[in-house]
Amino acid sequence: MKEKRKEVLNFVFMTKEQAQLFFPYSPGDDLEDLWEQRLFEQKQFFLMRPPIHLVWKSKLKKLEQEYIAFLTLTHQEKESLKPKGNTGISLSFPNDFLSAFNQFHKERNAHKSELLKAQNYPDLVEATENWLQTELSFATYWKLEATALNDIEVIRSKEPDPMELLEELKNTQNLINSSLISDLKQNYNILSENMKKEVKRLTLLSKI
């Protein structure tokens, strides 16, 4: 039973019975329409929810299973299961944390636009994977292991308002007389509570 599940997840083979478990439907349903509806629902999820790596990866895995089940039930070729472009490429950010912040939000907006344009499974996966990689690269940029030593409580999915965070970054620049990320990390203990919290939140997000 365990081996059969492994085959399903790797899409080597899926029976009609297995496909019906991953892609349930009622008699009379138009499977093409049903798939389009479910694809749209997943797109909305990614557009509306914070990009938490483990949560999004879980959603992508479920969508992958639904897609192969849909192809099985509609007797279509099991192709284009992988993104067409280059995913998983880390993004480099400048040492200036204000510039890095601006670059990150520019990249994030671009990823949202790509996701909005995605009309099929491969394009949606590619847009989502690229977005996740940018989020991970930015979180890694801020990573500071010393944050584990404090008792500040953070919620990974609770991101501060971008404009408020930008103001915090400007205040931090004035406080430490530098906009270098290395100087910010060296002066972590004197940062504002909100800034400490955000560095810790991003550090946690960098650990997938």
Protein backbone atom coordinates (compact mmCIF):
# COMPACT_ATOMS: atom_id res chain seq x y z
CA MET A 1 0.00 0.00 0.00
CA LYS A 2 2.85 2.36 0.83
CA GLU A 3 4.57 1.63 -2.50
CA LYS A 4 1.36 2.33 -4.41
CA ARG A 5 1.07 5.74 -2.75
CA LYS A 6 4.65 6.50 -3.75
CA GLU A 7 3.78 5.73 -7.38
CA VAL A 8 0.79 8.05 -7.21
CA LEU A 9 2.84 10.90 -5.81
CA ASN A 10 5.49 10.45 -8.48
CA PHE A 11 2.81 10.16 -11.17
CA VAL A 12 4.22 6.94 -12.57
CA PHE A 13 0.73 5.50 -12.53
CA MET A 14 -2.73 6.40 -11.26
CA THR A 15 -5.81 4.24 -11.65
CA LYS A 16 -9.24 5.70 -12.28
CA GLU A 17 -10.23 4.76 -8.74
CA GLN A 18 -7.25 6.61 -7.30
CA ALA A 19 -7.94 9.59 -9.56
CA GLN A 20 -11.49 9.84 -8.23
CA LEU A 21 -10.07 10.19 -4.71
CA PHE A 22 -7.84 13.09 -5.68
CA PHE A 23 -10.36 14.68 -8.03
CA PRO A 24 -13.87 13.99 -6.66
CA TYR A 25 -16.83 14.91 -8.85
CA SER A 26 -20.53 14.28 -9.21
CA PRO A 27 -22.31 12.55 -12.11
CA GLY A 28 -23.00 15.07 -14.83
CA ASP A 29 -20.11 17.37 -13.89
CA ASP A 30 -18.07 18.80 -16.73
CA LEU A 31 -14.56 17.82 -15.65
CA GLU A 32 -12.91 20.54 -17.75
CA ASP A 33 -15.04 23.21 -16.09
CA LEU A 34 -14.50 21.66 -12.67
CA TRP A 35 -10.73 21.69 -13.15
CA GLU A 36 -10.76 25.33 -14.27
CA GLN A 37 -12.78 26.22 -11.18
CA ARG A 38 -10.38 24.43 -8.84
CA LEU A 39 -7.35 25.94 -10.55
CA PHE A 40 -8.88 29.41 -10.13
CA GLU A 41 -9.56 28.73 -6.44
CA GLN A 42 -5.94 27.76 -5.88
CA LYS A 43 -4.74 30.85 -7.71
CA GLN A 44 -6.89 32.99 -5.42
CA PHE A 45 -5.41 31.23 -2.41
CA PHE A 46 -1.87 32.11 -3.46
CA LEU A 47 -2.84 35.69 -4.24
CA MET A 48 -4.63 36.29 -0.95
CA ARG A 49 -2.59 34.31 1.59
CA PRO A 50 0.87 35.17 2.94
CA PRO A 51 3.62 33.24 1.14
CA ILE A 52 4.59 30.76 3.86
CA HIS A 53 6.85 28.15 2.28
CA LEU A 54 5.52 24.98 3.95
CA VAL A 55 1.88 26.02 3.50
CA TRP A 56 2.29 26.88 -0.18
CA LYS A 57 4.33 23.76 -0.91
CA SER A 58 1.59 21.65 0.65
CA LYS A 59 -1.00 23.39 -1.53
CA LEU A 60 1.12 22.85 -4.64
CA LYS A 61 1.48 19.15 -3.86
CA LYS A 62 -2.28 18.80 -3.47
CA LEU A 63 -2.84 20.67 -6.72
CA GLU A 64 -0.32 18.44 -8.47
CA GLN A 65 -2.26 15.38 -7.34
CA GLU A 66 -5.52 16.93 -8.53
CA TYR A 67 -4.00 17.74 -11.90
CA ILE A 68 -2.68 14.25 -12.61
CA ALA A 69 -6.04 12.85 -11.48
CA PHE A 70 -7.86 15.22 -13.84
CA LEU A 71 -5.60 14.14 -16.73
CA THR A 72 -6.24 10.49 -15.88
CA LEU A 73 -10.02 10.92 -15.76
CA THR A 74 -10.10 12.88 -19.02
CA HIS A 75 -7.67 10.48 -20.76
CA GLN A 76 -5.15 13.21 -21.51
CA GLU A 77 -1.41 12.81 -21.82
CA LYS A 78 0.46 13.23 -18.55
CA GLU A 79 2.84 15.91 -19.76
CA SER A 80 3.92 19.39 -18.74
CA LEU A 81 3.84 18.44 -15.07
CA LYS A 82 6.96 20.45 -14.39
CA PRO A 83 7.37 24.22 -14.71
CA LYS A 84 8.67 25.33 -18.09
CA GLY A 85 11.04 28.03 -16.87
CA ASN A 86 13.99 28.15 -14.49
CA THR A 87 12.67 27.89 -10.96
CA GLY A 88 14.60 27.62 -7.73
CA ILE A 89 17.14 30.34 -8.59
CA SER A 90 18.18 32.37 -5.56
CA LEU A 91 17.90 36.13 -5.82
CA SER A 92 20.71 38.41 -4.67
CA PHE A 93 19.93 41.58 -2.75
CA PRO A 94 22.17 44.63 -2.30
CA ASN A 95 23.98 45.24 0.99
CA ASP A 96 21.91 48.39 1.48
CA PHE A 97 18.81 47.19 3.33
CA LEU A 98 16.63 50.04 2.04
CA SER A 99 17.52 49.15 -1.54
CA ALA A 100 16.94 45.48 -0.75
CA PHE A 101 13.50 46.27 0.64
CA ASN A 102 12.53 48.19 -2.51
CA GLN A 103 13.90 45.48 -4.78
CA PHE A 104 12.03 42.79 -2.89
CA HIS A 105 8.67 44.52 -3.23
CA LYS A 106 9.30 45.19 -6.91
CA GLU A 107 10.01 41.48 -7.40
CA ARG A 108 6.98 40.48 -5.34
CA ASN A 109 4.68 42.66 -7.46
CA ALA A 110 6.14 41.10 -10.60
CA HIS A 111 5.43 37.62 -9.24
CA LYS A 112 1.85 38.59 -8.44
CA SER A 113 1.40 39.82 -12.01
CA GLU A 114 2.77 36.55 -13.39
CA LEU A 115 0.46 34.56 -11.16
CA LEU A 116 -2.53 36.64 -12.24
CA LYS A 117 -1.69 35.90 -15.87
CA ALA A 118 -1.33 32.14 -15.30
CA GLN A 119 -4.16 30.30 -17.06
CA ASN A 120 -2.95 26.72 -16.78
CA TYR A 121 -1.30 24.41 -14.29
CA PRO A 122 2.34 24.63 -15.46
CA ASP A 123 2.27 28.43 -15.57
CA LEU A 124 0.67 28.65 -12.14
CA VAL A 125 3.28 26.34 -10.64
CA GLU A 126 6.14 28.23 -12.27
CA ALA A 127 4.86 31.61 -11.05
CA THR A 128 4.29 30.29 -7.53
CA GLU A 129 7.65 28.52 -7.26
CA ASN A 130 9.50 31.61 -8.47
CA TRP A 131 7.62 33.75 -5.97
CA LEU A 132 8.46 31.37 -3.13
CA GLN A 133 12.14 31.45 -4.08
CA THR A 134 12.18 35.24 -3.93
CA GLU A 135 10.52 35.16 -0.50
CA LEU A 136 13.08 32.65 0.72
CA SER A 137 15.99 34.66 -0.67
CA PHE A 138 14.76 37.79 1.09
CA ALA A 139 14.22 35.97 4.38
CA THR A 140 17.73 34.50 4.13
CA TYR A 141 19.11 38.00 3.52
CA TRP A 142 17.82 39.01 6.98
CA LYS A 143 18.70 35.77 8.73
CA LEU A 144 20.29 36.33 12.15
CA GLU A 145 20.74 33.32 14.39
CA ALA A 146 21.13 35.54 17.46
CA THR A 147 17.40 36.25 17.35
CA ALA A 148 16.86 32.79 18.83
CA LEU A 149 18.35 34.06 22.09
CA ASN A 150 15.54 36.51 22.84
CA ASP A 151 11.99 35.76 23.96
CA ILE A 152 10.25 38.02 21.45
CA GLU A 153 7.13 36.29 20.17
CA VAL A 154 6.42 36.49 16.46
CA ILE A 155 3.85 35.03 14.09
CA ARG A 156 5.48 33.95 10.85
CA SER A 157 2.45 34.77 8.73
CA LYS A 158 1.90 38.21 10.27
CA GLU A 159 3.81 40.57 8.01
CA PRO A 160 3.98 44.26 8.95
CA ASP A 161 2.50 46.92 6.70
CA PRO A 162 5.15 47.67 4.03
CA MET A 163 4.97 51.43 4.53
CA GLU A 164 5.31 51.08 8.29
CA LEU A 165 8.26 48.74 7.85
CA LEU A 166 9.89 51.17 5.42
CA GLU A 167 9.61 53.88 8.06
CA GLU A 168 11.16 51.52 10.62
CA LEU A 169 14.05 50.87 8.24
CA LYS A 170 14.65 54.59 7.77
CA ASN A 171 14.63 55.09 11.52
CA THR A 172 17.06 52.22 11.86
CA GLN A 173 19.36 53.82 9.32
CA ASN A 174 19.42 56.98 11.43
CA LEU A 175 19.88 55.03 14.65
CA ILE A 176 22.93 53.06 13.54
CA ASN A 177 24.17 55.68 11.07
CA SER A 178 24.30 53.08 8.32
CA SER A 179 22.08 51.30 5.82
CA LEU A 180 24.26 48.21 5.54
CA ILE A 181 22.59 44.93 6.46
CA SER A 182 25.76 43.80 8.23
CA ASP A 183 25.70 46.87 10.49
CA LEU A 184 22.02 46.35 11.23
CA LYS A 185 22.70 42.79 12.34
CA GLN A 186 25.66 43.86 14.47
CA ASN A 187 23.44 46.41 16.21
CA TYR A 188 20.43 44.14 16.60
CA ASN A 189 20.22 44.61 20.37
CA ILE A 190 19.62 48.36 20.10
CA LEU A 191 17.00 48.17 17.36
CA SER A 192 13.38 49.07 18.00
CA GLU A 193 11.10 46.31 19.22
CA ASN A 194 9.27 46.21 15.88
CA MET A 195 12.52 45.93 13.96
CA LYS A 196 13.79 43.17 16.23
CA LYS A 197 10.52 41.34 15.74
CA GLU A 198 10.69 41.57 11.95
CA VAL A 199 14.29 40.34 11.80
CA LYS A 200 13.30 37.39 13.97
CA ARG A 201 10.22 36.66 11.85
CA LEU A 202 12.26 36.65 8.65
CA THR A 203 14.92 34.49 10.28
CA LEU A 204 12.27 31.91 11.11
CA LEU A 205 10.92 32.06 7.56
CA SER A 206 14.40 31.35 6.20
CA LYS A 207 14.34 27.95 7.88
CA ILE A 208 12.31 25.65 5.67
